[in-house]
């Protein structure tokens, strides 16, 4: 029996479409799960080899459900990422007109991406959240709601019609998805990589966040995502989810992580993996003094100083 990949289902989600762009899915059983939590838990229990879930979109930023699941519980690691351009269709049961629609549904992350369209075309409609956009389409099929915002490709799967297509408030909107598995050695660096971590401050003090960020800045490590998430320990207690350019095997990244490990209450490493749709030739040149060779030369200089050979 082939190894399985869990993903946010049911069938017909943007998650499934993005997942099927990975070549290895040809030899994996793809199993839909009802939520991000259940998909990730399938990996934690060994029920699935990996899970594929949304983690960020270009309109609202991080997908909080996924970030919170990676922050808490048994550690997991990110191994791949996929970017998918997103545009929505308004799916209805056959014969439904725009004037018939009183309720609409979709995943909560979809609402900010169609909010202005709704205001212009369905100002009186009631919004209800669904576990996923495809699940919203299923609920429309069952008669629970009048319409769903989902991928146009989901219409045939659920026996619905596309009443409106190409719906989006933001041009070129994208969602980032990640393939998550149990912790293991990260893949070798490609020259166009990303490293994800979660940081907890040791104590709350003026400039605390600046201190964390300076570990990256002084080593020339650029950040691609910074999002705070509540720890659950009370108002004002946050951890920080960070995506940084580079791989843990790059000396500048490793040195930054060592600095953070020394000063933070806790650091959770979420993986180093290839950046989607970026080739090594497209990566900006490193700032002077931040290459692996620069770190080696500096360490050699310190050793010579210690030996009195400077």
C-alpha atoms as a PDB file:
ATOM      1  CA  UNK A   1       0.000   0.000   0.000  1.00  0.00           C
ATOM      2  CA  UNK A   2       1.493   3.412  -0.929  1.00  0.00           C
ATOM      3  CA  UNK A   3       2.407   5.916   1.766  1.00  0.00           C
ATOM      4  CA  UNK A   4      -0.266   8.560   2.270  1.00  0.00           C
ATOM      5  CA  UNK A   5      -0.313  12.342   2.275  1.00  0.00           C
ATOM      6  CA  UNK A   6      -3.052  13.967   4.346  1.00  0.00           C
ATOM      7  CA  UNK A   7      -4.491  17.252   3.137  1.00  0.00           C
ATOM      8  CA  UNK A   8      -7.206  19.746   4.045  1.00  0.00           C
ATOM      9  CA  UNK A   9     -10.290  18.336   2.358  1.00  0.00           C
ATOM     10  CA  UNK A  10     -12.760  17.368   1.183  1.00  0.00           C
ATOM     11  CA  UNK A  11     -11.947  16.726  -2.469  1.00  0.00           C
ATOM     12  CA  UNK A  12     -11.960  19.860  -4.591  1.00  0.00           C
ATOM     13  CA  UNK A  13     -10.047  22.231  -2.301  1.00  0.00           C
ATOM     14  CA  UNK A  14      -7.349  24.618  -3.440  1.00  0.00           C
ATOM     15  CA  UNK A  15      -5.136  22.569  -1.115  1.00  0.00           C
ATOM     16  CA  UNK A  16      -5.691  19.451  -3.220  1.00  0.00           C
ATOM     17  CA  UNK A  17      -4.934  21.358  -6.435  1.00  0.00           C
ATOM     18  CA  UNK A  18      -1.674  22.692  -4.984  1.00  0.00           C
ATOM     19  CA  UNK A  19      -0.721  19.290  -3.572  1.00  0.00           C
ATOM     20  CA  UNK A  20      -1.096  17.608  -6.956  1.00  0.00           C
ATOM     21  CA  UNK A  21       1.629  19.882  -8.365  1.00  0.00           C
ATOM     22  CA  UNK A  22       4.201  17.898  -6.354  1.00  0.00           C
ATOM     23  CA  UNK A  23       5.717  15.122  -8.512  1.00  0.00           C
ATOM     24  CA  UNK A  24       5.829  12.612  -5.660  1.00  0.00           C
ATOM     25  CA  UNK A  25       2.033  12.581  -5.345  1.00  0.00           C
ATOM     26  CA  UNK A  26       1.979  10.145  -8.266  1.00  0.00           C
ATOM     27  CA  UNK A  27       3.210   7.475  -5.836  1.00  0.00           C
ATOM     28  CA  UNK A  28       1.253   8.567  -2.737  1.00  0.00           C
ATOM     29  CA  UNK A  29      -2.291   7.971  -1.598  1.00  0.00           C
ATOM     30  CA  UNK A  30      -3.898  11.405  -1.079  1.00  0.00           C
ATOM     31  CA  UNK A  31      -6.309  11.365   1.860  1.00  0.00           C
ATOM     32  CA  UNK A  32      -8.596  14.344   2.639  1.00  0.00           C
ATOM     33  CA  UNK A  33      -9.126  15.374   6.264  1.00  0.00           C
ATOM     34  CA  UNK A  34     -11.812  17.632   7.672  1.00  0.00           C
ATOM     35  CA  UNK A  35      -9.450  20.190   9.238  1.00  0.00           C
ATOM     36  CA  UNK A  36      -5.853  21.364   9.381  1.00  0.00           C
ATOM     37  CA  UNK A  37      -5.614  19.980  12.908  1.00  0.00           C
ATOM     38  CA  UNK A  38      -6.781  16.491  11.926  1.00  0.00           C
ATOM     39  CA  UNK A  39      -4.416  16.420   8.920  1.00  0.00           C
ATOM     40  CA  UNK A  40      -1.415  17.353  11.077  1.00  0.00           C
ATOM     41  CA  UNK A  41      -2.472  14.961  13.823  1.00  0.00           C
ATOM     42  CA  UNK A  42      -2.476  12.169  11.232  1.00  0.00           C
ATOM     43  CA  UNK A  43       1.247  12.821  10.788  1.00  0.00           C
ATOM     44  CA  UNK A  44       1.882  12.951  14.522  1.00  0.00           C
ATOM     45  CA  UNK A  45       0.207   9.559  15.046  1.00  0.00           C
ATOM     46  CA  UNK A  46       1.904   7.950  12.046  1.00  0.00           C
ATOM     47  CA  UNK A  47      -1.367   7.569  10.155  1.00  0.00           C
ATOM     48  CA  UNK A  48       0.090   9.667   7.307  1.00  0.00           C
ATOM     49  CA  UNK A  49       3.621  10.221   6.067  1.00  0.00           C
ATOM     50  CA  UNK A  50       3.067  13.953   5.627  1.00  0.00           C
ATOM     51  CA  UNK A  51       0.319  16.572   5.587  1.00  0.00           C
ATOM     52  CA  UNK A  52      -0.243  19.378   3.109  1.00  0.00           C
ATOM     53  CA  UNK A  53      -1.915  22.496   4.495  1.00  0.00           C
ATOM     54  CA  UNK A  54      -2.263  26.245   3.781  1.00  0.00           C
ATOM     55  CA  UNK A  55      -0.034  28.478   5.901  1.00  0.00           C
ATOM     56  CA  UNK A  56      -0.108  31.994   4.405  1.00  0.00           C
ATOM     57  CA  UNK A  57      -1.956  34.101   1.875  1.00  0.00           C
ATOM     58  CA  UNK A  58      -0.948  37.354   0.262  1.00  0.00           C
ATOM     59  CA  UNK A  59      -4.082  39.190   1.428  1.00  0.00           C
ATOM     60  CA  UNK A  60      -4.316  38.391   5.147  1.00  0.00           C
ATOM     61  CA  UNK A  61      -0.891  36.935   5.945  1.00  0.00           C
ATOM     62  CA  UNK A  62      -0.437  33.831   8.063  1.00  0.00           C
ATOM     63  CA  UNK A  63      -3.196  31.214   8.359  1.00  0.00           C
ATOM     64  CA  UNK A  64      -3.581  31.259  12.128  1.00  0.00           C
ATOM     65  CA  UNK A  65      -5.038  27.742  12.428  1.00  0.00           C
ATOM     66  CA  UNK A  66      -1.955  26.243  10.787  1.00  0.00           C
ATOM     67  CA  UNK A  67       0.521  28.468  12.631  1.00  0.00           C
ATOM     68  CA  UNK A  68      -1.062  27.614  15.992  1.00  0.00           C
ATOM     69  CA  UNK A  69      -0.934  23.888  15.242  1.00  0.00           C
ATOM     70  CA  UNK A  70       2.776  24.117  14.369  1.00  0.00           C
ATOM     71  CA  UNK A  71       3.482  26.202  17.472  1.00  0.00           C
ATOM     72  CA  UNK A  72       1.850  23.740  19.878  1.00  0.00           C
ATOM     73  CA  UNK A  73       1.852  19.997  20.308  1.00  0.00           C
ATOM     74  CA  UNK A  74       4.353  17.396  19.169  1.00  0.00           C
ATOM     75  CA  UNK A  75       6.968  19.057  16.906  1.00  0.00           C
ATOM     76  CA  UNK A  76       6.640  18.816  13.142  1.00  0.00           C
ATOM     77  CA  UNK A  77       8.832  20.030  10.269  1.00  0.00           C
ATOM     78  CA  UNK A  78       8.178  21.755   6.952  1.00  0.00           C
ATOM     79  CA  UNK A  79       9.822  20.079   3.942  1.00  0.00           C
ATOM     80  CA  UNK A  80       8.322  21.789   0.890  1.00  0.00           C
ATOM     81  CA  UNK A  81       6.242  24.808  -0.038  1.00  0.00           C
ATOM     82  CA  UNK A  82       3.960  25.520  -2.990  1.00  0.00           C
ATOM     83  CA  UNK A  83       2.501  28.833  -4.173  1.00  0.00           C
ATOM     84  CA  UNK A  84      -0.889  28.817  -5.870  1.00  0.00           C
ATOM     85  CA  UNK A  85      -2.647  31.755  -7.514  1.00  0.00           C
ATOM     86  CA  UNK A  86      -6.145  32.060  -6.095  1.00  0.00           C
ATOM     87  CA  UNK A  87      -9.344  33.276  -7.699  1.00  0.00           C
ATOM     88  CA  UNK A  88     -12.817  32.308  -6.550  1.00  0.00           C
ATOM     89  CA  UNK A  89     -16.040  31.282  -8.228  1.00  0.00           C
ATOM     90  CA  UNK A  90     -19.513  31.670  -6.754  1.00  0.00           C
ATOM     91  CA  UNK A  91     -21.005  28.166  -6.837  1.00  0.00           C
ATOM     92  CA  UNK A  92     -24.751  27.556  -6.583  1.00  0.00           C
ATOM     93  CA  UNK A  93     -27.291  24.811  -7.093  1.00  0.00           C
ATOM     94  CA  UNK A  94     -28.612  24.681 -10.664  1.00  0.00           C
ATOM     95  CA  UNK A  95     -31.196  27.371 -11.379  1.00  0.00           C
ATOM     96  CA  UNK A  96     -30.143  29.702  -8.553  1.00  0.00           C
ATOM     97  CA  UNK A  97     -30.008  33.401  -9.461  1.00  0.00           C
ATOM     98  CA  UNK A  98     -27.978  36.087  -7.731  1.00  0.00           C
ATOM     99  CA  UNK A  99     -31.172  37.562  -6.279  1.00  0.00           C
ATOM    100  CA  UNK A 100     -31.988  34.187  -4.652  1.00  0.00           C
ATOM    101  CA  UNK A 101     -28.821  34.146  -2.536  1.00  0.00           C
ATOM    102  CA  UNK A 102     -29.319  34.932   1.147  1.00  0.00           C
ATOM    103  CA  UNK A 103     -26.473  32.881   2.657  1.00  0.00           C
ATOM    104  CA  UNK A 104     -22.925  32.201   1.458  1.00  0.00           C
ATOM    105  CA  UNK A 105     -20.141  30.087   2.883  1.00  0.00           C
ATOM    106  CA  UNK A 106     -16.407  29.427   2.484  1.00  0.00           C
ATOM    107  CA  UNK A 107     -13.272  28.973   4.536  1.00  0.00           C
ATOM    108  CA  UNK A 108     -12.639  31.986   6.841  1.00  0.00           C
ATOM    109  CA  UNK A 109      -9.451  32.842   4.912  1.00  0.00           C
ATOM    110  CA  UNK A 110     -11.575  33.387   1.787  1.00  0.00           C
ATOM    111  CA  UNK A 111     -13.717  36.158   3.247  1.00  0.00           C
ATOM    112  CA  UNK A 112     -11.066  38.928   3.182  1.00  0.00           C
ATOM    113  CA  UNK A 113     -10.337  38.026  -0.436  1.00  0.00           C
ATOM    114  CA  UNK A 114     -13.940  38.533  -1.618  1.00  0.00           C
ATOM    115  CA  UNK A 115     -15.224  41.058   0.926  1.00  0.00           C
ATOM    116  CA  UNK A 116     -15.473  43.977  -1.511  1.00  0.00           C
ATOM    117  CA  UNK A 117     -17.137  41.814  -4.165  1.00  0.00           C
ATOM    118  CA  UNK A 118     -19.767  40.759  -1.638  1.00  0.00           C
ATOM    119  CA  UNK A 119     -20.335  44.371  -0.596  1.00  0.00           C
ATOM    120  CA  UNK A 120     -20.893  45.369  -4.222  1.00  0.00           C
ATOM    121  CA  UNK A 121     -23.023  42.425  -5.387  1.00  0.00           C
ATOM    122  CA  UNK A 122     -24.550  40.758  -2.279  1.00  0.00           C
ATOM    123  CA  UNK A 123     -24.651  43.459   0.405  1.00  0.00           C
ATOM    124  CA  UNK A 124     -27.430  41.806   2.463  1.00  0.00           C
ATOM    125  CA  UNK A 125     -26.048  38.272   2.380  1.00  0.00           C
ATOM    126  CA  UNK A 126     -25.206  36.358   5.587  1.00  0.00           C
ATOM    127  CA  UNK A 127     -21.738  34.808   5.747  1.00  0.00           C
ATOM    128  CA  UNK A 128     -21.173  31.423   7.408  1.00  0.00           C
ATOM    129  CA  UNK A 129     -17.720  29.868   7.735  1.00  0.00           C
ATOM    130  CA  UNK A 130     -16.939  26.360   6.507  1.00  0.00           C
ATOM    131  CA  UNK A 131     -14.051  24.011   7.303  1.00  0.00           C
ATOM    132  CA  UNK A 132     -12.738  24.554   3.763  1.00  0.00           C
ATOM    133  CA  UNK A 133     -13.942  26.110   0.523  1.00  0.00           C
ATOM    134  CA  UNK A 134     -14.759  22.684  -0.922  1.00  0.00           C
ATOM    135  CA  UNK A 135     -16.635  21.804   2.257  1.00  0.00           C
ATOM    136  CA  UNK A 136     -18.662  24.953   1.673  1.00  0.00           C
ATOM    137  CA  UNK A 137     -19.498  23.673  -1.814  1.00  0.00           C
ATOM    138  CA  UNK A 138     -20.598  20.371  -0.287  1.00  0.00           C
ATOM    139  CA  UNK A 139     -22.872  22.209   2.154  1.00  0.00           C
ATOM    140  CA  UNK A 140     -24.462  24.118  -0.741  1.00  0.00           C
ATOM    141  CA  UNK A 141     -25.034  20.812  -2.527  1.00  0.00           C
ATOM    142  CA  UNK A 142     -26.813  19.554   0.607  1.00  0.00           C
ATOM    143  CA  UNK A 143     -29.006  22.674   0.721  1.00  0.00           C
ATOM    144  CA  UNK A 144     -27.512  24.142   3.900  1.00  0.00           C
ATOM    145  CA  UNK A 145     -26.491  27.396   2.186  1.00  0.00           C
ATOM    146  CA  UNK A 146     -27.381  29.161  -1.034  1.00  0.00           C
ATOM    147  CA  UNK A 147     -23.880  29.702  -2.439  1.00  0.00           C
ATOM    148  CA  UNK A 148     -20.212  29.026  -1.774  1.00  0.00           C
ATOM    149  CA  UNK A 149     -16.985  30.722  -2.743  1.00  0.00           C
ATOM    150  CA  UNK A 150     -14.621  28.008  -3.950  1.00  0.00           C
ATOM    151  CA  UNK A 151     -12.444  27.043  -6.874  1.00  0.00           C
ATOM    152  CA  UNK A 152     -14.312  26.847 -10.169  1.00  0.00           C
ATOM    153  CA  UNK A 153     -13.030  23.271 -10.499  1.00  0.00           C
ATOM    154  CA  UNK A 154     -15.141  22.239  -7.468  1.00  0.00           C
ATOM    155  CA  UNK A 155     -18.433  22.854  -9.291  1.00  0.00           C
ATOM    156  CA  UNK A 156     -18.478  19.567 -11.207  1.00  0.00           C
ATOM    157  CA  UNK A 157     -17.400  17.584  -8.151  1.00  0.00           C
ATOM    158  CA  UNK A 158     -20.424  18.775  -6.157  1.00  0.00           C
ATOM    159  CA  UNK A 159     -23.013  19.097  -8.930  1.00  0.00           C
ATOM    160  CA  UNK A 160     -23.112  22.886  -8.755  1.00  0.00           C
ATOM    161  CA  UNK A 161     -23.110  25.672 -11.312  1.00  0.00           C
ATOM    162  CA  UNK A 162     -20.681  28.584 -11.606  1.00  0.00           C
ATOM    163  CA  UNK A 163     -22.816  31.694 -11.212  1.00  0.00           C
ATOM    164  CA  UNK A 164     -19.858  34.109 -11.200  1.00  0.00           C
ATOM    165  CA  UNK A 165     -16.193  33.382 -11.937  1.00  0.00           C
ATOM    166  CA  UNK A 166     -12.849  35.130 -11.483  1.00  0.00           C
ATOM    167  CA  UNK A 167     -13.834  36.749  -8.189  1.00  0.00           C
ATOM    168  CA  UNK A 168     -11.041  38.433  -6.217  1.00  0.00           C
ATOM    169  CA  UNK A 169     -10.531  41.727  -4.441  1.00  0.00           C
ATOM    170  CA  UNK A 170      -6.741  41.687  -4.837  1.00  0.00           C
ATOM    171  CA  UNK A 171      -4.975  41.113  -8.125  1.00  0.00           C
ATOM    172  CA  UNK A 172      -2.430  38.291  -8.200  1.00  0.00           C
ATOM    173  CA  UNK A 173      -3.554  36.868  -4.855  1.00  0.00           C
ATOM    174  CA  UNK A 174      -1.627  33.767  -3.835  1.00  0.00           C
ATOM    175  CA  UNK A 175      -1.765  31.188  -1.064  1.00  0.00           C
ATOM    176  CA  UNK A 176       1.296  29.390   0.245  1.00  0.00           C
ATOM    177  CA  UNK A 177       0.959  25.720   1.181  1.00  0.00           C
ATOM    178  CA  UNK A 178       3.473  23.556   3.034  1.00  0.00           C
ATOM    179  CA  UNK A 179       4.244  19.846   3.188  1.00  0.00           C
ATOM    180  CA  UNK A 180       4.721  18.930   6.835  1.00  0.00           C
ATOM    181  CA  UNK A 181       6.228  15.741   8.254  1.00  0.00           C
ATOM    182  CA  UNK A 182       7.823  14.356  11.378  1.00  0.00           C
ATOM    183  CA  UNK A 183      11.207  15.852  12.344  1.00  0.00           C
ATOM    184  CA  UNK A 184      14.214  14.535  10.427  1.00  0.00           C
ATOM    185  CA  UNK A 185      17.357  15.850   8.789  1.00  0.00           C
ATOM    186  CA  UNK A 186      16.436  18.744   6.470  1.00  0.00           C
ATOM    187  CA  UNK A 187      17.132  18.423   2.770  1.00  0.00           C
ATOM    188  CA  UNK A 188      20.448  19.761   1.485  1.00  0.00           C
ATOM    189  CA  UNK A 189      20.505  23.486   0.720  1.00  0.00           C
ATOM    190  CA  UNK A 190      19.645  24.580  -2.798  1.00  0.00           C
ATOM    191  CA  UNK A 191      20.902  28.156  -2.638  1.00  0.00           C
ATOM    192  CA  UNK A 192      17.296  29.431  -2.591  1.00  0.00           C
ATOM    193  CA  UNK A 193      15.955  28.275   0.754  1.00  0.00           C
ATOM    194  CA  UNK A 194      13.807  29.363   3.657  1.00  0.00           C
ATOM    195  CA  UNK A 195      14.076  28.566   7.376  1.00  0.00           C
ATOM    196  CA  UNK A 196      11.053  28.704   9.695  1.00  0.00           C
ATOM    197  CA  UNK A 197      11.192  29.031  13.492  1.00  0.00           C
ATOM    198  CA  UNK A 198       8.984  29.984  16.439  1.00  0.00           C
ATOM    199  CA  UNK A 199      10.485  32.137  19.198  1.00  0.00           C
ATOM    200  CA  UNK A 200       9.395  32.686  22.794  1.00  0.00           C
ATOM    201  CA  UNK A 201      10.902  35.618  24.717  1.00  0.00           C
ATOM    202  CA  UNK A 202      12.490  34.827  28.067  1.00  0.00           C
ATOM    203  CA  UNK A 203      10.843  37.883  29.609  1.00  0.00           C
ATOM    204  CA  UNK A 204       8.874  40.948  28.557  1.00  0.00           C
ATOM    205  CA  UNK A 205      11.087  44.045  28.373  1.00  0.00           C
ATOM    206  CA  UNK A 206      11.448  47.210  26.281  1.00  0.00           C
ATOM    207  CA  UNK A 207      13.086  46.360  22.965  1.00  0.00           C
ATOM    208  CA  UNK A 208      12.496  42.633  23.391  1.00  0.00           C
ATOM    209  CA  UNK A 209      11.350  42.083  19.827  1.00  0.00           C
ATOM    210  CA  UNK A 210      14.167  44.273  18.540  1.00  0.00           C
ATOM    211  CA  UNK A 211      16.641  42.053  20.402  1.00  0.00           C
ATOM    212  CA  UNK A 212      15.251  38.967  18.664  1.00  0.00           C
ATOM    213  CA  UNK A 213      15.320  40.576  15.233  1.00  0.00           C
ATOM    214  CA  UNK A 214      18.846  41.889  15.718  1.00  0.00           C
ATOM    215  CA  UNK A 215      20.131  38.310  15.800  1.00  0.00           C
ATOM    216  CA  UNK A 216      19.082  38.073  12.158  1.00  0.00           C
ATOM    217  CA  UNK A 217      19.913  41.630  11.107  1.00  0.00           C
ATOM    218  CA  UNK A 218      23.529  41.664  12.316  1.00  0.00           C
ATOM    219  CA  UNK A 219      24.185  38.491  10.317  1.00  0.00           C
ATOM    220  CA  UNK A 220      22.541  39.724   7.130  1.00  0.00           C
ATOM    221  CA  UNK A 221      19.596  37.312   7.303  1.00  0.00           C
ATOM    222  CA  UNK A 222      16.488  38.740   5.660  1.00  0.00           C
ATOM    223  CA  UNK A 223      13.063  37.945   7.118  1.00  0.00           C
ATOM    224  CA  UNK A 224      10.121  36.958   4.930  1.00  0.00           C
ATOM    225  CA  UNK A 225       7.403  36.543   7.555  1.00  0.00           C
ATOM    226  CA  UNK A 226       6.983  37.819  11.100  1.00  0.00           C
ATOM    227  CA  UNK A 227       3.728  37.093  12.897  1.00  0.00           C
ATOM    228  CA  UNK A 228       2.889  37.078  16.584  1.00  0.00           C
ATOM    229  CA  UNK A 229       0.593  34.447  18.068  1.00  0.00           C
ATOM    230  CA  UNK A 230      -0.814  34.367  21.614  1.00  0.00           C
ATOM    231  CA  UNK A 231       0.743  31.743  23.869  1.00  0.00           C
ATOM    232  CA  UNK A 232      -2.433  31.226  25.890  1.00  0.00           C
ATOM    233  CA  UNK A 233      -0.676  32.339  29.067  1.00  0.00           C
ATOM    234  CA  UNK A 234      -2.606  35.613  29.317  1.00  0.00           C
ATOM    235  CA  UNK A 235      -3.109  38.922  27.555  1.00  0.00           C
ATOM    236  CA  UNK A 236       0.141  40.300  26.163  1.00  0.00           C
ATOM    237  CA  UNK A 237       1.960  36.946  26.055  1.00  0.00           C
ATOM    238  CA  UNK A 238       3.038  36.163  22.490  1.00  0.00           C
ATOM    239  CA  UNK A 239       5.401  33.967  20.554  1.00  0.00           C
ATOM    240  CA  UNK A 240       6.747  34.936  17.133  1.00  0.00           C
ATOM    241  CA  UNK A 241       6.536  32.879  13.942  1.00  0.00           C
ATOM    242  CA  UNK A 242       9.388  33.787  11.593  1.00  0.00           C
ATOM    243  CA  UNK A 243      10.421  32.793   8.080  1.00  0.00           C
ATOM    244  CA  UNK A 244      14.004  33.739   7.229  1.00  0.00           C
ATOM    245  CA  UNK A 245      15.935  33.541   3.985  1.00  0.00           C
ATOM    246  CA  UNK A 246      18.574  30.832   3.969  1.00  0.00           C
ATOM    247  CA  UNK A 247      19.183  27.299   5.228  1.00  0.00           C
ATOM    248  CA  UNK A 248      20.226  26.110   8.674  1.00  0.00           C
ATOM    249  CA  UNK A 249      23.444  24.824   7.122  1.00  0.00           C
ATOM    250  CA  UNK A 250      24.323  28.398   6.056  1.00  0.00           C
ATOM    251  CA  UNK A 251      26.653  29.753   8.697  1.00  0.00           C
ATOM    252  CA  UNK A 252      24.851  33.091   8.984  1.00  0.00           C
ATOM    253  CA  UNK A 253      21.520  31.334   9.637  1.00  0.00           C
ATOM    254  CA  UNK A 254      23.007  28.784  12.030  1.00  0.00           C
ATOM    255  CA  UNK A 255      24.817  31.557  13.935  1.00  0.00           C
ATOM    256  CA  UNK A 256      21.576  33.545  14.232  1.00  0.00           C
ATOM    257  CA  UNK A 257      19.747  30.486  15.547  1.00  0.00           C
ATOM    258  CA  UNK A 258      22.498  29.837  18.089  1.00  0.00           C
ATOM    259  CA  UNK A 259      22.168  33.419  19.305  1.00  0.00           C
ATOM    260  CA  UNK A 260      18.419  33.011  19.644  1.00  0.00           C
ATOM    261  CA  UNK A 261      18.796  29.681  21.439  1.00  0.00           C
ATOM    262  CA  UNK A 262      21.030  31.371  24.010  1.00  0.00           C
ATOM    263  CA  UNK A 263      18.674  34.273  24.679  1.00  0.00           C
ATOM    264  CA  UNK A 264      15.122  32.959  24.096  1.00  0.00           C
ATOM    265  CA  UNK A 265      13.018  30.998  26.532  1.00  0.00           C
ATOM    266  CA  UNK A 266      12.291  28.532  23.733  1.00  0.00           C
ATOM    267  CA  UNK A 267      13.065  28.130  20.031  1.00  0.00           C
ATOM    268  CA  UNK A 268      11.108  25.700  17.876  1.00  0.00           C
ATOM    269  CA  UNK A 269      12.770  24.847  14.573  1.00  0.00           C
ATOM    270  CA  UNK A 270      10.180  24.206  11.856  1.00  0.00           C
ATOM    271  CA  UNK A 271      12.551  23.312   9.040  1.00  0.00           C
ATOM    272  CA  UNK A 272      14.722  24.563   6.180  1.00  0.00           C
ATOM    273  CA  UNK A 273      13.317  23.922   2.706  1.00  0.00           C
ATOM    274  CA  UNK A 274      13.445  25.177  -0.900  1.00  0.00           C
ATOM    275  CA  UNK A 275      11.630  28.410  -1.633  1.00  0.00           C
ATOM    276  CA  UNK A 276       8.803  27.960  -4.122  1.00  0.00           C
ATOM    277  CA  UNK A 277       9.270  29.383  -7.608  1.00  0.00           C
ATOM    278  CA  UNK A 278      12.691  30.883  -6.786  1.00  0.00           C
ATOM    279  CA  UNK A 279      15.929  29.766  -8.416  1.00  0.00           C
ATOM    280  CA  UNK A 280      19.357  30.275  -6.805  1.00  0.00           C
ATOM    281  CA  UNK A 281      20.265  32.736  -9.563  1.00  0.00           C
ATOM    282  CA  UNK A 282      17.319  34.913  -8.514  1.00  0.00           C
ATOM    283  CA  UNK A 283      18.426  35.257  -4.874  1.00  0.00           C
ATOM    284  CA  UNK A 284      19.894  38.628  -3.952  1.00  0.00           C
ATOM    285  CA  UNK A 285      23.635  38.715  -3.363  1.00  0.00           C
ATOM    286  CA  UNK A 286      24.681  38.374   0.268  1.00  0.00           C
ATOM    287  CA  UNK A 287      25.725  41.466   2.138  1.00  0.00           C
ATOM    288  CA  UNK A 288      29.451  41.809   2.581  1.00  0.00           C
ATOM    289  CA  UNK A 289      30.678  39.927   5.626  1.00  0.00           C
ATOM    290  CA  UNK A 290      27.800  37.405   5.790  1.00  0.00           C
ATOM    291  CA  UNK A 291      28.927  34.560   3.512  1.00  0.00           C
ATOM    292  CA  UNK A 292      30.088  31.190   4.837  1.00  0.00           C
ATOM    293  CA  UNK A 293      33.632  32.141   3.819  1.00  0.00           C
ATOM    294  CA  UNK A 294      33.417  35.329   5.873  1.00  0.00           C
ATOM    295  CA  UNK A 295      32.309  33.385   8.958  1.00  0.00           C
ATOM    296  CA  UNK A 296      35.122  30.840   8.486  1.00  0.00           C
ATOM    297  CA  UNK A 297      37.681  33.622   8.108  1.00  0.00           C
ATOM    298  CA  UNK A 298      36.394  35.375  11.241  1.00  0.00           C
ATOM    299  CA  UNK A 299      36.522  32.142  13.258  1.00  0.00           C
ATOM    300  CA  UNK A 300      40.050  31.511  12.025  1.00  0.00           C
ATOM    301  CA  UNK A 301      41.074  35.032  13.089  1.00  0.00           C
ATOM    302  CA  UNK A 302      39.668  34.480  16.597  1.00  0.00           C
ATOM    303  CA  UNK A 303      41.564  31.169  16.847  1.00  0.00           C
ATOM    304  CA  UNK A 304      44.783  32.887  15.835  1.00  0.00           C
ATOM    305  CA  UNK A 305      44.196  35.631  18.397  1.00  0.00           C
ATOM    306  CA  UNK A 306      43.679  33.000  21.072  1.00  0.00           C
ATOM    307  CA  UNK A 307      46.985  31.420  20.065  1.00  0.00           C
ATOM    308  CA  UNK A 308      48.814  34.731  19.981  1.00  0.00           C
ATOM    309  CA  UNK A 309      49.291  34.477  16.200  1.00  0.00           C
ATOM    310  CA  UNK A 310      47.455  37.599  15.141  1.00  0.00           C
END
